[in-house]
Amino acid sequence: MEELLELRELLLADRVSDALLLVEEMTEMSKDDKLNKIFSFSVVLLLHLIKQAVEERTTRSWDTSIFNAVKQIQRTNRRRKPGGFYLTVEERQETLEYAYDSALRQAALEAFEGRYEAAELGQMVERRGVVDQASSLILTN
């Protein structure tokens, strides 16, 4: 809100170049917010996929968390203009790769009642398979 008031003042003062710089900064802030949300939902998605893989089972709760995370990633990544996205498929894949370690650490606390460290749990699951599964879910659901 503060930025909008500043933008208004800049425009009223006929400082168009300063106003355009502020608009650019606001656009970047908005995109950063979207990217942070996508990262957070990616961690949730990967967390439950890791737990499913290592425990070789699922629960309705995990399935619901996976479904909700996929929908939130899709929704957050979609720009208002038709056909536009904040992240390309490649950038989304990079985000999933980056989020994997955070998800693995969280999964180590939850899977098998927290008996394994993240590194140990990581040896029980195929990283590439989990990331590819997450990517596929985002593309198809």
N, C-alpha and C. Protein backbone atom coordinates (compact mmCIF):
# COMPACT_ATOMS: atom_id res chain seq x y z
N MET A 1 0.83 -1.19 0.00
CA MET A 1 0.00 0.00 0.00
C MET A 1 0.87 1.25 0.00
N GLU A 2 1.94 1.21 0.76
CA GLU A 2 2.86 2.35 0.84
C GLU A 2 3.41 2.71 -0.54
N GLU A 3 3.73 1.69 -1.33
CA GLU A 3 4.28 1.92 -2.66
C GLU A 3 3.26 2.59 -3.58
N LEU A 4 1.98 2.21 -3.43
CA LEU A 4 0.95 2.83 -4.26
C LEU A 4 0.78 4.31 -3.93
N LEU A 5 0.86 4.63 -2.67
CA LEU A 5 0.77 6.04 -2.28
C LEU A 5 1.97 6.82 -2.81
N GLU A 6 3.14 6.21 -2.73
CA GLU A 6 4.34 6.86 -3.28
C GLU A 6 4.21 7.04 -4.78
N LEU A 7 3.69 6.02 -5.47
CA LEU A 7 3.48 6.12 -6.91
C LEU A 7 2.53 7.26 -7.25
N ARG A 8 1.47 7.38 -6.50
CA ARG A 8 0.51 8.46 -6.70
C ARG A 8 1.18 9.82 -6.56
N GLU A 9 1.98 9.96 -5.51
CA GLU A 9 2.67 11.24 -5.28
C GLU A 9 3.64 11.55 -6.41
N LEU A 10 4.37 10.53 -6.88
CA LEU A 10 5.31 10.74 -7.99
C LEU A 10 4.58 11.18 -9.26
N LEU A 11 3.44 10.57 -9.54
CA LEU A 11 2.69 10.94 -10.73
C LEU A 11 2.09 12.34 -10.61
N LEU A 12 1.59 12.66 -9.43
CA LEU A 12 1.05 14.01 -9.23
C LEU A 12 2.13 15.07 -9.34
N ALA A 13 3.36 14.71 -8.98
CA ALA A 13 4.49 15.64 -9.07
C ALA A 13 5.11 15.62 -10.47
N ASP A 14 4.50 14.86 -11.39
CA ASP A 14 4.98 14.75 -12.77
C ASP A 14 6.40 14.19 -12.86
N ARG A 15 6.72 13.28 -11.93
CA ARG A 15 8.03 12.61 -11.93
C ARG A 15 7.85 11.21 -12.52
N VAL A 16 7.57 11.19 -13.82
CA VAL A 16 7.20 9.96 -14.51
C VAL A 16 8.33 8.94 -14.49
N SER A 17 9.56 9.36 -14.70
CA SER A 17 10.67 8.40 -14.72
C SER A 17 10.84 7.73 -13.35
N ASP A 18 10.69 8.50 -12.27
CA ASP A 18 10.75 7.91 -10.92
C ASP A 18 9.57 6.96 -10.69
N ALA A 19 8.41 7.34 -11.20
CA ALA A 19 7.22 6.50 -11.07
C ALA A 19 7.42 5.17 -11.80
N LEU A 20 8.02 5.23 -12.99
CA LEU A 20 8.27 4.00 -13.75
C LEU A 20 9.26 3.09 -13.04
N LEU A 21 10.26 3.67 -12.40
CA LEU A 21 11.20 2.86 -11.61
C LEU A 21 10.49 2.17 -10.46
N LEU A 22 9.60 2.90 -9.82
CA LEU A 22 8.83 2.32 -8.72
C LEU A 22 7.91 1.20 -9.21
N VAL A 23 7.30 1.38 -10.36
CA VAL A 23 6.44 0.34 -10.93
C VAL A 23 7.27 -0.91 -11.21
N GLU A 24 8.47 -0.73 -11.75
CA GLU A 24 9.35 -1.87 -12.01
C GLU A 24 9.70 -2.60 -10.72
N GLU A 25 10.01 -1.83 -9.67
CA GLU A 25 10.33 -2.42 -8.37
C GLU A 25 9.13 -3.18 -7.81
N MET A 26 7.94 -2.61 -7.94
CA MET A 26 6.73 -3.27 -7.45
C MET A 26 6.46 -4.56 -8.22
N THR A 27 6.73 -4.53 -9.51
CA THR A 27 6.55 -5.74 -10.33
C THR A 27 7.48 -6.84 -9.87
N GLU A 28 8.72 -6.50 -9.59
CA GLU A 28 9.69 -7.49 -9.10
C GLU A 28 9.29 -8.03 -7.73
N MET A 29 8.79 -7.16 -6.86
CA MET A 29 8.34 -7.60 -5.54
C MET A 29 7.18 -8.59 -5.67
N SER A 30 6.28 -8.31 -6.58
CA SER A 30 5.14 -9.19 -6.80
C SER A 30 5.60 -10.54 -7.32
N LYS A 31 6.52 -10.52 -8.27
CA LYS A 31 7.04 -11.78 -8.83
C LYS A 31 7.78 -12.56 -7.75
N ASP A 32 8.59 -11.89 -6.94
CA ASP A 32 9.30 -12.57 -5.85
C ASP A 32 8.33 -13.25 -4.90
N ASP A 33 7.22 -12.58 -4.61
CA ASP A 33 6.20 -13.17 -3.75
C ASP A 33 5.63 -14.44 -4.37
N LYS A 34 5.34 -14.39 -5.65
CA LYS A 34 4.81 -15.56 -6.36
C LYS A 34 5.83 -16.70 -6.32
N LEU A 35 7.09 -16.40 -6.57
CA LEU A 35 8.13 -17.43 -6.59
C LEU A 35 8.31 -18.05 -5.21
N ASN A 36 8.24 -17.25 -4.16
CA ASN A 36 8.34 -17.77 -2.79
C ASN A 36 7.18 -18.71 -2.48
N LYS A 37 5.99 -18.36 -2.93
CA LYS A 37 4.83 -19.23 -2.70
C LYS A 37 4.99 -20.55 -3.45
N ILE A 38 5.44 -20.47 -4.69
CA ILE A 38 5.64 -21.70 -5.48
C ILE A 38 6.68 -22.58 -4.81
N PHE A 39 7.76 -21.98 -4.31
CA PHE A 39 8.78 -22.76 -3.60
C PHE A 39 8.18 -23.44 -2.38
N SER A 40 7.42 -22.71 -1.58
CA SER A 40 6.83 -23.28 -0.36
C SER A 40 5.88 -24.43 -0.67
N PHE A 41 5.04 -24.25 -1.68
CA PHE A 41 4.14 -25.34 -2.06
C PHE A 41 4.91 -26.51 -2.66
N SER A 42 6.03 -26.24 -3.31
CA SER A 42 6.86 -27.31 -3.86
C SER A 42 7.45 -28.15 -2.73
N VAL A 43 7.85 -27.51 -1.65
CA VAL A 43 8.37 -28.25 -0.49
C VAL A 43 7.29 -29.19 0.06
N VAL A 44 6.07 -28.69 0.19
CA VAL A 44 4.96 -29.51 0.70
C VAL A 44 4.70 -30.69 -0.24
N LEU A 45 4.65 -30.42 -1.52
CA LEU A 45 4.42 -31.47 -2.50
C LEU A 45 5.50 -32.55 -2.43
N LEU A 46 6.75 -32.13 -2.46
CA LEU A 46 7.86 -33.08 -2.42
C LEU A 46 7.92 -33.83 -1.10
N LEU A 47 7.64 -33.16 -0.01
CA LEU A 47 7.63 -33.79 1.31
C LEU A 47 6.74 -35.03 1.31
N HIS A 48 5.53 -34.88 0.81
CA HIS A 48 4.59 -36.00 0.85
C HIS A 48 4.93 -37.07 -0.19
N LEU A 49 5.48 -36.65 -1.32
CA LEU A 49 5.91 -37.65 -2.30
C LEU A 49 7.09 -38.46 -1.76
N ILE A 50 7.99 -37.82 -1.04
CA ILE A 50 9.11 -38.53 -0.42
C ILE A 50 8.59 -39.52 0.62
N LYS A 51 7.67 -39.07 1.46
CA LYS A 51 7.12 -39.97 2.48
C LYS A 51 6.42 -41.16 1.83
N GLN A 52 5.67 -40.92 0.77
CA GLN A 52 5.02 -42.03 0.06
C GLN A 52 6.06 -43.01 -0.47
N ALA A 53 7.14 -42.49 -1.04
CA ALA A 53 8.16 -43.34 -1.64
C ALA A 53 8.88 -44.18 -0.59
N VAL A 54 9.30 -43.57 0.50
CA VAL A 54 10.11 -44.31 1.48
C VAL A 54 9.25 -45.24 2.33
N GLU A 55 8.06 -44.83 2.65
CA GLU A 55 7.20 -45.67 3.49
C GLU A 55 6.37 -46.65 2.67
N GLU A 56 6.41 -46.49 1.35
CA GLU A 56 5.68 -47.37 0.43
C GLU A 56 4.21 -47.50 0.81
N ARG A 57 3.63 -46.37 1.14
CA ARG A 57 2.21 -46.30 1.47
C ARG A 57 1.77 -44.85 1.31
N THR A 58 0.49 -44.62 1.45
CA THR A 58 -0.02 -43.26 1.43
C THR A 58 -1.17 -43.16 2.43
N THR A 59 -1.57 -41.94 2.70
CA THR A 59 -2.73 -41.69 3.54
C THR A 59 -3.62 -40.69 2.81
N ARG A 60 -4.87 -40.62 3.22
CA ARG A 60 -5.77 -39.63 2.61
C ARG A 60 -5.25 -38.22 2.86
N SER A 61 -4.66 -38.01 4.02
CA SER A 61 -4.11 -36.71 4.35
C SER A 61 -2.96 -36.34 3.40
N TRP A 62 -2.06 -37.28 3.15
CA TRP A 62 -0.94 -37.02 2.23
C TRP A 62 -1.47 -36.76 0.82
N ASP A 63 -2.43 -37.59 0.39
CA ASP A 63 -3.00 -37.40 -0.94
C ASP A 63 -3.65 -36.03 -1.08
N THR A 64 -4.33 -35.60 -0.03
CA THR A 64 -4.96 -34.28 -0.06
C THR A 64 -3.92 -33.17 -0.07
N SER A 65 -2.86 -33.32 0.70
CA SER A 65 -1.79 -32.32 0.71
C SER A 65 -1.12 -32.23 -0.66
N ILE A 66 -0.91 -33.37 -1.29
CA ILE A 66 -0.31 -33.38 -2.63
C ILE A 66 -1.23 -32.67 -3.61
N PHE A 67 -2.50 -33.03 -3.59
CA PHE A 67 -3.48 -32.41 -4.49
C PHE A 67 -3.51 -30.89 -4.29
N ASN A 68 -3.61 -30.46 -3.03
CA ASN A 68 -3.69 -29.03 -2.74
C ASN A 68 -2.41 -28.29 -3.14
N ALA A 69 -1.25 -28.89 -2.90
CA ALA A 69 0.01 -28.24 -3.27
C ALA A 69 0.11 -28.08 -4.78
N VAL A 70 -0.29 -29.12 -5.52
CA VAL A 70 -0.26 -29.04 -6.99
C VAL A 70 -1.17 -27.91 -7.47
N LYS A 71 -2.39 -27.87 -6.94
CA LYS A 71 -3.33 -26.83 -7.37
C LYS A 71 -2.82 -25.43 -7.03
N GLN A 72 -2.21 -25.28 -5.86
CA GLN A 72 -1.69 -23.96 -5.47
C GLN A 72 -0.50 -23.55 -6.33
N ILE A 73 0.35 -24.50 -6.69
CA ILE A 73 1.47 -24.19 -7.58
C ILE A 73 0.93 -23.74 -8.93
N GLN A 74 -0.03 -24.49 -9.47
CA GLN A 74 -0.62 -24.13 -10.76
C GLN A 74 -1.27 -22.75 -10.70
N ARG A 75 -2.03 -22.52 -9.66
CA ARG A 75 -2.76 -21.25 -9.52
C ARG A 75 -1.80 -20.07 -9.35
N THR A 76 -0.80 -20.24 -8.52
CA THR A 76 0.15 -19.16 -8.25
C THR A 76 1.00 -18.85 -9.47
N ASN A 77 1.32 -19.87 -10.23
CA ASN A 77 2.20 -19.69 -11.40
C ASN A 77 1.47 -19.04 -12.58
N ARG A 78 0.17 -19.06 -12.59
CA ARG A 78 -0.60 -18.53 -13.72
C ARG A 78 -0.72 -17.02 -13.62
N ARG A 79 -0.31 -16.35 -14.68
CA ARG A 79 -0.50 -14.90 -14.75
C ARG A 79 -1.95 -14.59 -15.10
N ARG A 80 -2.34 -13.38 -14.85
CA ARG A 80 -3.71 -12.98 -15.14
C ARG A 80 -4.01 -13.01 -16.63
N LYS A 81 -3.02 -12.64 -17.43
CA LYS A 81 -3.25 -12.65 -18.88
C LYS A 81 -3.30 -14.10 -19.37
N PRO A 82 -4.15 -14.38 -20.34
CA PRO A 82 -4.32 -15.76 -20.82
C PRO A 82 -3.00 -16.37 -21.32
N GLY A 83 -2.73 -17.59 -20.86
CA GLY A 83 -1.57 -18.31 -21.33
C GLY A 83 -0.25 -17.90 -20.72
N GLY A 84 -0.26 -16.96 -19.80
CA GLY A 84 0.99 -16.49 -19.22
C GLY A 84 1.33 -17.19 -17.92
N PHE A 85 2.62 -17.40 -17.70
CA PHE A 85 3.09 -18.05 -16.48
C PHE A 85 4.28 -17.28 -15.93
N TYR A 86 4.44 -17.32 -14.62
CA TYR A 86 5.60 -16.69 -13.99
C TYR A 86 6.85 -17.51 -14.23
N LEU A 87 6.72 -18.84 -14.12
CA LEU A 87 7.86 -19.72 -14.31
C LEU A 87 7.66 -20.57 -15.55
N THR A 88 8.72 -20.72 -16.34
CA THR A 88 8.68 -21.65 -17.46
C THR A 88 8.75 -23.07 -16.88
N VAL A 89 8.55 -24.05 -17.71
CA VAL A 89 8.66 -25.45 -17.28
C VAL A 89 10.06 -25.70 -16.71
N GLU A 90 11.07 -25.17 -17.36
CA GLU A 90 12.45 -25.36 -16.90
C GLU A 90 12.69 -24.68 -15.56
N GLU A 91 12.18 -23.48 -15.39
CA GLU A 91 12.34 -22.76 -14.12
C GLU A 91 11.58 -23.46 -13.00
N ARG A 92 10.41 -24.00 -13.32
CA ARG A 92 9.64 -24.73 -12.31
C ARG A 92 10.39 -25.99 -11.90
N GLN A 93 11.03 -26.65 -12.87
CA GLN A 93 11.83 -27.84 -12.57
C GLN A 93 13.00 -27.48 -11.66
N GLU A 94 13.64 -26.36 -11.92
CA GLU A 94 14.74 -25.88 -11.06
C GLU A 94 14.24 -25.59 -9.65
N THR A 95 13.05 -25.03 -9.55
CA THR A 95 12.46 -24.75 -8.24
C THR A 95 12.22 -26.04 -7.47
N LEU A 96 11.71 -27.05 -8.16
CA LEU A 96 11.49 -28.35 -7.52
C LEU A 96 12.82 -28.94 -7.05
N GLU A 97 13.84 -28.85 -7.89
CA GLU A 97 15.17 -29.37 -7.53
C GLU A 97 15.69 -28.65 -6.28
N TYR A 98 15.53 -27.35 -6.26
CA TYR A 98 16.01 -26.54 -5.14
C TYR A 98 15.22 -26.83 -3.86
N ALA A 99 13.93 -27.08 -4.00
CA ALA A 99 13.07 -27.33 -2.84
C ALA A 99 13.27 -28.74 -2.27
N TYR A 100 13.85 -29.63 -3.04
CA TYR A 100 13.96 -31.03 -2.63
C TYR A 100 14.68 -31.20 -1.30
N ASP A 101 15.80 -30.53 -1.11
CA ASP A 101 16.55 -30.70 0.14
C ASP A 101 15.76 -30.25 1.36
N SER A 102 15.02 -29.18 1.22
CA SER A 102 14.17 -28.74 2.34
C SER A 102 13.08 -29.76 2.62
N ALA A 103 12.50 -30.30 1.57
CA ALA A 103 11.46 -31.32 1.73
C ALA A 103 12.03 -32.58 2.37
N LEU A 104 13.25 -32.96 1.96
CA LEU A 104 13.87 -34.16 2.51
C LEU A 104 14.14 -34.00 4.00
N ARG A 105 14.61 -32.83 4.40
CA ARG A 105 14.85 -32.57 5.83
C ARG A 105 13.55 -32.67 6.62
N GLN A 106 12.49 -32.12 6.08
CA GLN A 106 11.19 -32.19 6.76
C GLN A 106 10.68 -33.62 6.79
N ALA A 107 10.84 -34.33 5.69
CA ALA A 107 10.39 -35.72 5.63
C ALA A 107 11.13 -36.58 6.66
N ALA A 108 12.40 -36.26 6.89
CA ALA A 108 13.17 -37.02 7.88
C ALA A 108 12.58 -36.88 9.28
N LEU A 109 11.94 -35.77 9.55
CA LEU A 109 11.29 -35.57 10.85
C LEU A 109 9.98 -36.33 10.95
N GLU A 110 9.35 -36.59 9.81
CA GLU A 110 8.00 -37.15 9.82
C GLU A 110 7.95 -38.64 9.44
N ALA A 111 8.74 -39.05 8.48
CA ALA A 111 8.69 -40.45 8.02
C ALA A 111 9.30 -41.37 9.07
N PHE A 112 8.74 -42.54 9.19
CA PHE A 112 9.24 -43.54 10.14
C PHE A 112 9.42 -42.96 11.55
N GLU A 113 8.50 -42.06 11.90
CA GLU A 113 8.51 -41.42 13.22
C GLU A 113 9.84 -40.72 13.52
N GLY A 114 10.50 -40.21 12.50
CA GLY A 114 11.72 -39.42 12.66
C GLY A 114 12.96 -40.22 13.00
N ARG A 115 12.97 -41.52 12.70
CA ARG A 115 14.12 -42.37 13.06
C ARG A 115 15.35 -42.13 12.21
N TYR A 116 15.21 -41.53 11.04
CA TYR A 116 16.33 -41.39 10.12
C TYR A 116 16.70 -39.92 9.92
N GLU A 117 17.99 -39.69 9.74
CA GLU A 117 18.47 -38.36 9.37
C GLU A 117 18.15 -38.14 7.89
N ALA A 118 18.19 -36.89 7.45
CA ALA A 118 17.86 -36.57 6.07
C ALA A 118 18.75 -37.33 5.09
N ALA A 119 20.04 -37.41 5.38
CA ALA A 119 20.97 -38.11 4.48
C ALA A 119 20.60 -39.60 4.37
N GLU A 120 20.24 -40.19 5.49
CA GLU A 120 19.85 -41.61 5.48
C GLU A 120 18.56 -41.80 4.69
N LEU A 121 17.60 -40.92 4.92
CA LEU A 121 16.33 -41.01 4.20
C LEU A 121 16.56 -40.79 2.71
N GLY A 122 17.46 -39.88 2.39
CA GLY A 122 17.77 -39.59 1.00
C GLY A 122 18.30 -40.80 0.24
N GLN A 123 18.95 -41.71 0.95
CA GLN A 123 19.47 -42.92 0.31
C GLN A 123 18.36 -43.93 0.03
N MET A 124 17.21 -43.74 0.66
CA MET A 124 16.09 -44.67 0.48
C MET A 124 15.17 -44.29 -0.68
N VAL A 125 15.38 -43.13 -1.25
CA VAL A 125 14.48 -42.62 -2.27
C VAL A 125 15.28 -42.11 -3.47
N GLU A 126 14.71 -42.28 -4.64
CA GLU A 126 15.35 -41.79 -5.85
C GLU A 126 14.93 -40.34 -6.09
N ARG A 127 15.85 -39.44 -5.86
CA ARG A 127 15.58 -38.00 -5.97
C ARG A 127 14.96 -37.65 -7.32
N ARG A 128 15.61 -38.10 -8.39
CA ARG A 128 15.15 -37.77 -9.74
C ARG A 128 13.71 -38.22 -9.95
N GLY A 129 13.38 -39.41 -9.48
CA GLY A 129 12.03 -39.94 -9.64
C GLY A 129 10.99 -39.11 -8.92
N VAL A 130 11.31 -38.67 -7.71
CA VAL A 130 10.36 -37.86 -6.93
C VAL A 130 10.17 -36.49 -7.59
N VAL A 131 11.26 -35.87 -8.02
CA VAL A 131 11.15 -34.56 -8.66
C VAL A 131 10.38 -34.67 -9.97
N ASP A 132 10.66 -35.72 -10.75
CA ASP A 132 9.93 -35.91 -12.00
C ASP A 132 8.45 -36.18 -11.76
N GLN A 133 8.14 -36.93 -10.71
CA GLN A 133 6.76 -37.20 -10.36
C GLN A 133 6.04 -35.90 -10.00
N ALA A 134 6.70 -35.06 -9.22
CA ALA A 134 6.12 -33.77 -8.85
C ALA A 134 5.87 -32.91 -10.08
N SER A 135 6.84 -32.87 -10.97
CA SER A 135 6.70 -32.09 -12.19
C SER A 135 5.55 -32.60 -13.04
N SER A 136 5.44 -33.90 -13.14
CA SER A 136 4.36 -34.50 -13.92
C SER A 136 2.99 -34.18 -13.32
N LEU A 137 2.88 -34.23 -12.01
CA LEU A 137 1.62 -33.89 -11.36
C LEU A 137 1.21 -32.45 -11.64
N ILE A 138 2.19 -31.56 -11.61
CA ILE A 138 1.90 -30.14 -11.86
C ILE A 138 1.44 -29.93 -13.30
N LEU A 139 2.03 -30.67 -14.22
CA LEU A 139 1.66 -30.52 -15.63
C LEU A 139 0.31 -31.12 -15.97
N THR A 140 -0.06 -32.21 -15.29
CA THR A 140 -1.24 -32.94 -15.71
C THR A 140 -2.50 -32.69 -14.89
N ASN A 141 -2.39 -32.24 -13.69
CA ASN A 141 -3.59 -32.06 -12.86
C ASN A 141 -4.19 -30.69 -13.01
